[in-house]
Amino acid sequence: MTECMEKGKISVIMGVYNCADTVIEAIQAIEKQTYKNWEFIICDDGSKDCTYETVMDYIKDDQRFILIRNEINFGLNRTLNNCLARASGEFIARMD
């Protein structure tokens, strides 16, 4: 990996909706990456289950995470755009 890539911050974005049972596994997949200069922006798209609370409880002590919430379900495009508006990284990656 080039020196530039090693230093560049990556903003990982992910939209979530009604996935309380699997969202932690997705978060942990990013945490296990060898590249460490990242932030993870997660937008809950108006989930009806406890997805938002599950994520909030898991990430509460880690400043690399940004959790945002749509009050109603707007769909993936708008949700990812909400994530992009908060991104501060030099690079963008999407987690599905």
N, C-alpha and C. Protein backbone atom coordinates (compact mmCIF):
# COMPACT_ATOMS: atom_id res chain seq x y z
N MET A 1 0.85 -1.18 0.00
CA MET A 1 0.00 0.00 0.00
C MET A 1 0.89 1.24 0.00
N THR A 2 0.52 2.23 -0.76
CA THR A 2 1.34 3.42 -0.85
C THR A 2 1.29 4.23 0.44
N GLU A 3 2.29 5.08 0.63
CA GLU A 3 2.33 5.92 1.82
C GLU A 3 1.12 6.84 1.90
N CYS A 4 0.69 7.36 0.77
CA CYS A 4 -0.49 8.23 0.73
C CYS A 4 -1.72 7.49 1.22
N MET A 5 -1.93 6.27 0.76
CA MET A 5 -3.08 5.48 1.17
C MET A 5 -3.02 5.17 2.66
N GLU A 6 -1.83 4.92 3.18
CA GLU A 6 -1.68 4.60 4.60
C GLU A 6 -2.10 5.77 5.49
N LYS A 7 -1.92 6.99 5.02
CA LYS A 7 -2.22 8.15 5.84
C LYS A 7 -3.63 8.69 5.61
N GLY A 8 -4.21 8.42 4.45
CA GLY A 8 -5.51 8.98 4.11
C GLY A 8 -6.63 8.36 4.93
N LYS A 9 -7.45 9.22 5.47
CA LYS A 9 -8.59 8.76 6.27
C LYS A 9 -9.70 8.25 5.34
N ILE A 10 -10.28 7.12 5.70
CA ILE A 10 -11.39 6.55 4.95
C ILE A 10 -12.67 6.74 5.75
N SER A 11 -13.68 7.29 5.10
CA SER A 11 -15.01 7.38 5.70
C SER A 11 -15.82 6.20 5.17
N VAL A 12 -16.16 5.29 6.07
CA VAL A 12 -17.00 4.15 5.72
C VAL A 12 -18.44 4.56 6.01
N ILE A 13 -19.32 4.37 5.02
CA ILE A 13 -20.72 4.75 5.21
C ILE A 13 -21.60 3.51 5.10
N MET A 14 -22.66 3.49 5.92
CA MET A 14 -23.57 2.36 5.89
C MET A 14 -24.96 2.82 6.30
N GLY A 15 -25.94 2.49 5.49
CA GLY A 15 -27.33 2.69 5.85
C GLY A 15 -27.87 1.40 6.45
N VAL A 16 -28.68 1.53 7.50
CA VAL A 16 -29.25 0.35 8.15
C VAL A 16 -30.75 0.54 8.33
N TYR A 17 -31.46 -0.58 8.26
CA TYR A 17 -32.91 -0.55 8.44
C TYR A 17 -33.38 -1.91 8.97
N ASN A 18 -33.94 -1.89 10.16
CA ASN A 18 -34.50 -3.09 10.78
C ASN A 18 -33.54 -4.28 10.73
N CYS A 19 -32.33 -4.07 11.22
CA CYS A 19 -31.33 -5.15 11.19
C CYS A 19 -30.63 -5.31 12.53
N ALA A 20 -31.38 -5.17 13.61
CA ALA A 20 -30.79 -5.27 14.95
C ALA A 20 -30.06 -6.59 15.17
N ASP A 21 -30.52 -7.66 14.53
CA ASP A 21 -29.92 -8.98 14.74
C ASP A 21 -28.58 -9.16 14.03
N THR A 22 -28.27 -8.32 13.03
CA THR A 22 -27.06 -8.53 12.24
C THR A 22 -26.13 -7.32 12.18
N VAL A 23 -26.57 -6.18 12.66
CA VAL A 23 -25.79 -4.94 12.47
C VAL A 23 -24.45 -4.99 13.20
N ILE A 24 -24.38 -5.60 14.35
CA ILE A 24 -23.11 -5.66 15.09
C ILE A 24 -22.07 -6.46 14.32
N GLU A 25 -22.49 -7.51 13.67
CA GLU A 25 -21.56 -8.30 12.85
C GLU A 25 -20.97 -7.45 11.72
N ALA A 26 -21.78 -6.60 11.12
CA ALA A 26 -21.30 -5.71 10.06
C ALA A 26 -20.30 -4.70 10.62
N ILE A 27 -20.60 -4.14 11.77
CA ILE A 27 -19.69 -3.18 12.41
C ILE A 27 -18.36 -3.85 12.74
N GLN A 28 -18.43 -5.05 13.28
CA GLN A 28 -17.20 -5.76 13.67
C GLN A 28 -16.34 -6.10 12.45
N ALA A 29 -16.95 -6.30 11.30
CA ALA A 29 -16.18 -6.57 10.08
C ALA A 29 -15.29 -5.39 9.74
N ILE A 30 -15.78 -4.18 9.95
CA ILE A 30 -14.96 -2.99 9.70
C ILE A 30 -13.89 -2.84 10.79
N GLU A 31 -14.26 -3.08 12.01
CA GLU A 31 -13.29 -2.97 13.12
C GLU A 31 -12.11 -3.92 12.95
N LYS A 32 -12.31 -5.04 12.31
CA LYS A 32 -11.26 -6.06 12.15
C LYS A 32 -10.31 -5.78 10.98
N GLN A 33 -10.57 -4.75 10.21
CA GLN A 33 -9.70 -4.43 9.08
C GLN A 33 -8.31 -4.02 9.59
N THR A 34 -7.30 -4.27 8.79
CA THR A 34 -5.94 -3.93 9.20
C THR A 34 -5.66 -2.44 9.06
N TYR A 35 -6.35 -1.77 8.14
CA TYR A 35 -6.20 -0.32 7.98
C TYR A 35 -6.94 0.36 9.12
N LYS A 36 -6.29 1.26 9.82
CA LYS A 36 -6.87 1.80 11.06
C LYS A 36 -7.29 3.27 10.99
N ASN A 37 -6.99 3.97 9.92
CA ASN A 37 -7.34 5.39 9.84
C ASN A 37 -8.70 5.54 9.16
N TRP A 38 -9.76 5.32 9.94
CA TRP A 38 -11.10 5.36 9.38
C TRP A 38 -12.08 5.95 10.38
N GLU A 39 -13.21 6.37 9.82
CA GLU A 39 -14.39 6.70 10.61
C GLU A 39 -15.53 5.91 10.00
N PHE A 40 -16.52 5.59 10.79
CA PHE A 40 -17.64 4.78 10.33
C PHE A 40 -18.92 5.56 10.60
N ILE A 41 -19.58 5.94 9.52
CA ILE A 41 -20.81 6.73 9.62
C ILE A 41 -21.98 5.81 9.31
N ILE A 42 -22.84 5.63 10.29
CA ILE A 42 -23.97 4.73 10.17
C ILE A 42 -25.24 5.57 10.29
N CYS A 43 -26.14 5.39 9.33
CA CYS A 43 -27.43 6.10 9.38
C CYS A 43 -28.55 5.08 9.47
N ASP A 44 -29.29 5.15 10.57
CA ASP A 44 -30.48 4.32 10.72
C ASP A 44 -31.61 4.99 9.95
N ASP A 45 -32.20 4.25 9.03
CA ASP A 45 -33.21 4.80 8.14
C ASP A 45 -34.63 4.57 8.67
N GLY A 46 -34.87 5.04 9.89
CA GLY A 46 -36.21 4.96 10.46
C GLY A 46 -36.63 3.56 10.84
N SER A 47 -35.71 2.77 11.35
CA SER A 47 -36.01 1.39 11.73
C SER A 47 -37.17 1.32 12.72
N LYS A 48 -37.94 0.25 12.60
CA LYS A 48 -39.06 0.00 13.52
C LYS A 48 -38.63 -0.92 14.67
N ASP A 49 -37.50 -1.58 14.53
CA ASP A 49 -36.99 -2.43 15.61
C ASP A 49 -35.96 -1.65 16.43
N CYS A 50 -35.12 -2.31 17.15
CA CYS A 50 -34.16 -1.63 18.03
C CYS A 50 -32.77 -1.50 17.39
N THR A 51 -32.71 -1.39 16.07
CA THR A 51 -31.43 -1.23 15.38
C THR A 51 -30.65 -0.03 15.91
N TYR A 52 -31.29 1.13 15.99
CA TYR A 52 -30.61 2.35 16.42
C TYR A 52 -30.02 2.17 17.82
N GLU A 53 -30.81 1.67 18.74
CA GLU A 53 -30.35 1.49 20.12
C GLU A 53 -29.24 0.45 20.21
N THR A 54 -29.33 -0.61 19.40
CA THR A 54 -28.29 -1.64 19.38
C THR A 54 -26.95 -1.04 18.94
N VAL A 55 -26.99 -0.25 17.89
CA VAL A 55 -25.76 0.39 17.40
C VAL A 55 -25.24 1.39 18.43
N MET A 56 -26.12 2.20 18.97
CA MET A 56 -25.71 3.21 19.94
C MET A 56 -25.02 2.57 21.14
N ASP A 57 -25.58 1.50 21.65
CA ASP A 57 -24.97 0.81 22.79
C ASP A 57 -23.60 0.25 22.45
N TYR A 58 -23.43 -0.25 21.24
CA TYR A 58 -22.17 -0.87 20.84
C TYR A 58 -21.06 0.16 20.62
N ILE A 59 -21.39 1.31 20.06
CA ILE A 59 -20.35 2.27 19.65
C ILE A 59 -20.13 3.39 20.64
N LYS A 60 -20.84 3.42 21.73
CA LYS A 60 -20.87 4.59 22.61
C LYS A 60 -19.51 5.10 23.07
N ASP A 61 -18.52 4.26 23.20
CA ASP A 61 -17.22 4.70 23.70
C ASP A 61 -16.14 4.81 22.61
N ASP A 62 -16.54 4.76 21.37
CA ASP A 62 -15.57 4.78 20.27
C ASP A 62 -15.84 5.99 19.39
N GLN A 63 -14.93 6.94 19.41
CA GLN A 63 -15.09 8.21 18.69
C GLN A 63 -14.98 8.08 17.17
N ARG A 64 -14.59 6.91 16.67
CA ARG A 64 -14.49 6.72 15.23
C ARG A 64 -15.86 6.56 14.58
N PHE A 65 -16.89 6.39 15.39
CA PHE A 65 -18.24 6.14 14.88
C PHE A 65 -19.09 7.40 14.96
N ILE A 66 -19.91 7.57 13.92
CA ILE A 66 -20.92 8.62 13.91
C ILE A 66 -22.23 7.92 13.60
N LEU A 67 -23.20 8.07 14.48
CA LEU A 67 -24.50 7.46 14.29
C LEU A 67 -25.54 8.55 14.09
N ILE A 68 -26.25 8.46 12.99
CA ILE A 68 -27.32 9.41 12.70
C ILE A 68 -28.60 8.64 12.46
N ARG A 69 -29.71 9.36 12.48
CA ARG A 69 -31.00 8.68 12.38
C ARG A 69 -31.99 9.49 11.55
N ASN A 70 -32.61 8.82 10.62
CA ASN A 70 -33.75 9.39 9.91
C ASN A 70 -34.99 9.08 10.74
N GLU A 71 -35.82 10.06 10.97
CA GLU A 71 -37.03 9.83 11.76
C GLU A 71 -38.03 8.93 11.03
N ILE A 72 -38.01 8.99 9.69
CA ILE A 72 -38.84 8.10 8.89
C ILE A 72 -37.95 7.44 7.84
N ASN A 73 -38.47 6.41 7.21
CA ASN A 73 -37.72 5.67 6.20
C ASN A 73 -37.69 6.46 4.90
N PHE A 74 -36.48 6.91 4.51
CA PHE A 74 -36.30 7.69 3.29
C PHE A 74 -35.76 6.85 2.14
N GLY A 75 -35.27 5.68 2.40
CA GLY A 75 -34.66 4.85 1.37
C GLY A 75 -33.14 4.99 1.37
N LEU A 76 -32.50 4.06 0.70
CA LEU A 76 -31.05 3.96 0.75
C LEU A 76 -30.33 5.17 0.16
N ASN A 77 -30.78 5.69 -0.96
CA ASN A 77 -30.06 6.81 -1.59
C ASN A 77 -29.96 8.01 -0.65
N ARG A 78 -31.08 8.43 -0.11
CA ARG A 78 -31.06 9.60 0.79
C ARG A 78 -30.30 9.31 2.08
N THR A 79 -30.43 8.08 2.55
CA THR A 79 -29.71 7.68 3.76
C THR A 79 -28.20 7.75 3.55
N LEU A 80 -27.71 7.23 2.44
CA LEU A 80 -26.27 7.30 2.16
C LEU A 80 -25.82 8.73 1.93
N ASN A 81 -26.66 9.55 1.32
CA ASN A 81 -26.32 10.97 1.16
C ASN A 81 -26.21 11.65 2.53
N ASN A 82 -27.03 11.26 3.49
CA ASN A 82 -26.89 11.79 4.86
C ASN A 82 -25.54 11.42 5.44
N CYS A 83 -25.11 10.20 5.18
CA CYS A 83 -23.79 9.76 5.64
C CYS A 83 -22.68 10.58 4.97
N LEU A 84 -22.79 10.75 3.66
CA LEU A 84 -21.77 11.50 2.92
C LEU A 84 -21.65 12.94 3.42
N ALA A 85 -22.76 13.53 3.83
CA ALA A 85 -22.74 14.90 4.34
C ALA A 85 -21.92 15.02 5.62
N ARG A 86 -21.76 13.94 6.34
CA ARG A 86 -20.99 13.93 7.59
C ARG A 86 -19.56 13.45 7.42
N ALA A 87 -19.26 12.90 6.26
CA ALA A 87 -17.95 12.29 6.04
C ALA A 87 -16.83 13.33 6.02
N SER A 88 -15.72 12.98 6.67
CA SER A 88 -14.56 13.87 6.68
C SER A 88 -13.32 13.20 6.10
N GLY A 89 -13.47 11.99 5.60
CA GLY A 89 -12.33 11.27 5.07
C GLY A 89 -11.93 11.71 3.68
N GLU A 90 -10.71 11.39 3.34
CA GLU A 90 -10.19 11.64 2.00
C GLU A 90 -10.78 10.66 0.99
N PHE A 91 -11.13 9.49 1.50
CA PHE A 91 -11.69 8.41 0.68
C PHE A 91 -13.03 7.99 1.28
N ILE A 92 -13.91 7.47 0.42
CA ILE A 92 -15.22 6.97 0.86
C ILE A 92 -15.30 5.48 0.53
N ALA A 93 -15.79 4.71 1.48
CA ALA A 93 -16.06 3.29 1.26
C ALA A 93 -17.48 3.01 1.73
N ARG A 94 -18.12 2.09 1.07
CA ARG A 94 -19.50 1.76 1.44
C ARG A 94 -19.56 0.35 2.00
N MET A 95 -20.21 0.22 3.14
CA MET A 95 -20.41 -1.11 3.75
C MET A 95 -21.86 -1.49 3.52
N ASP A 96 -22.09 -2.69 2.98
CA ASP A 96 -23.44 -3.20 2.77
C ASP A 96 -23.70 -4.35 3.70
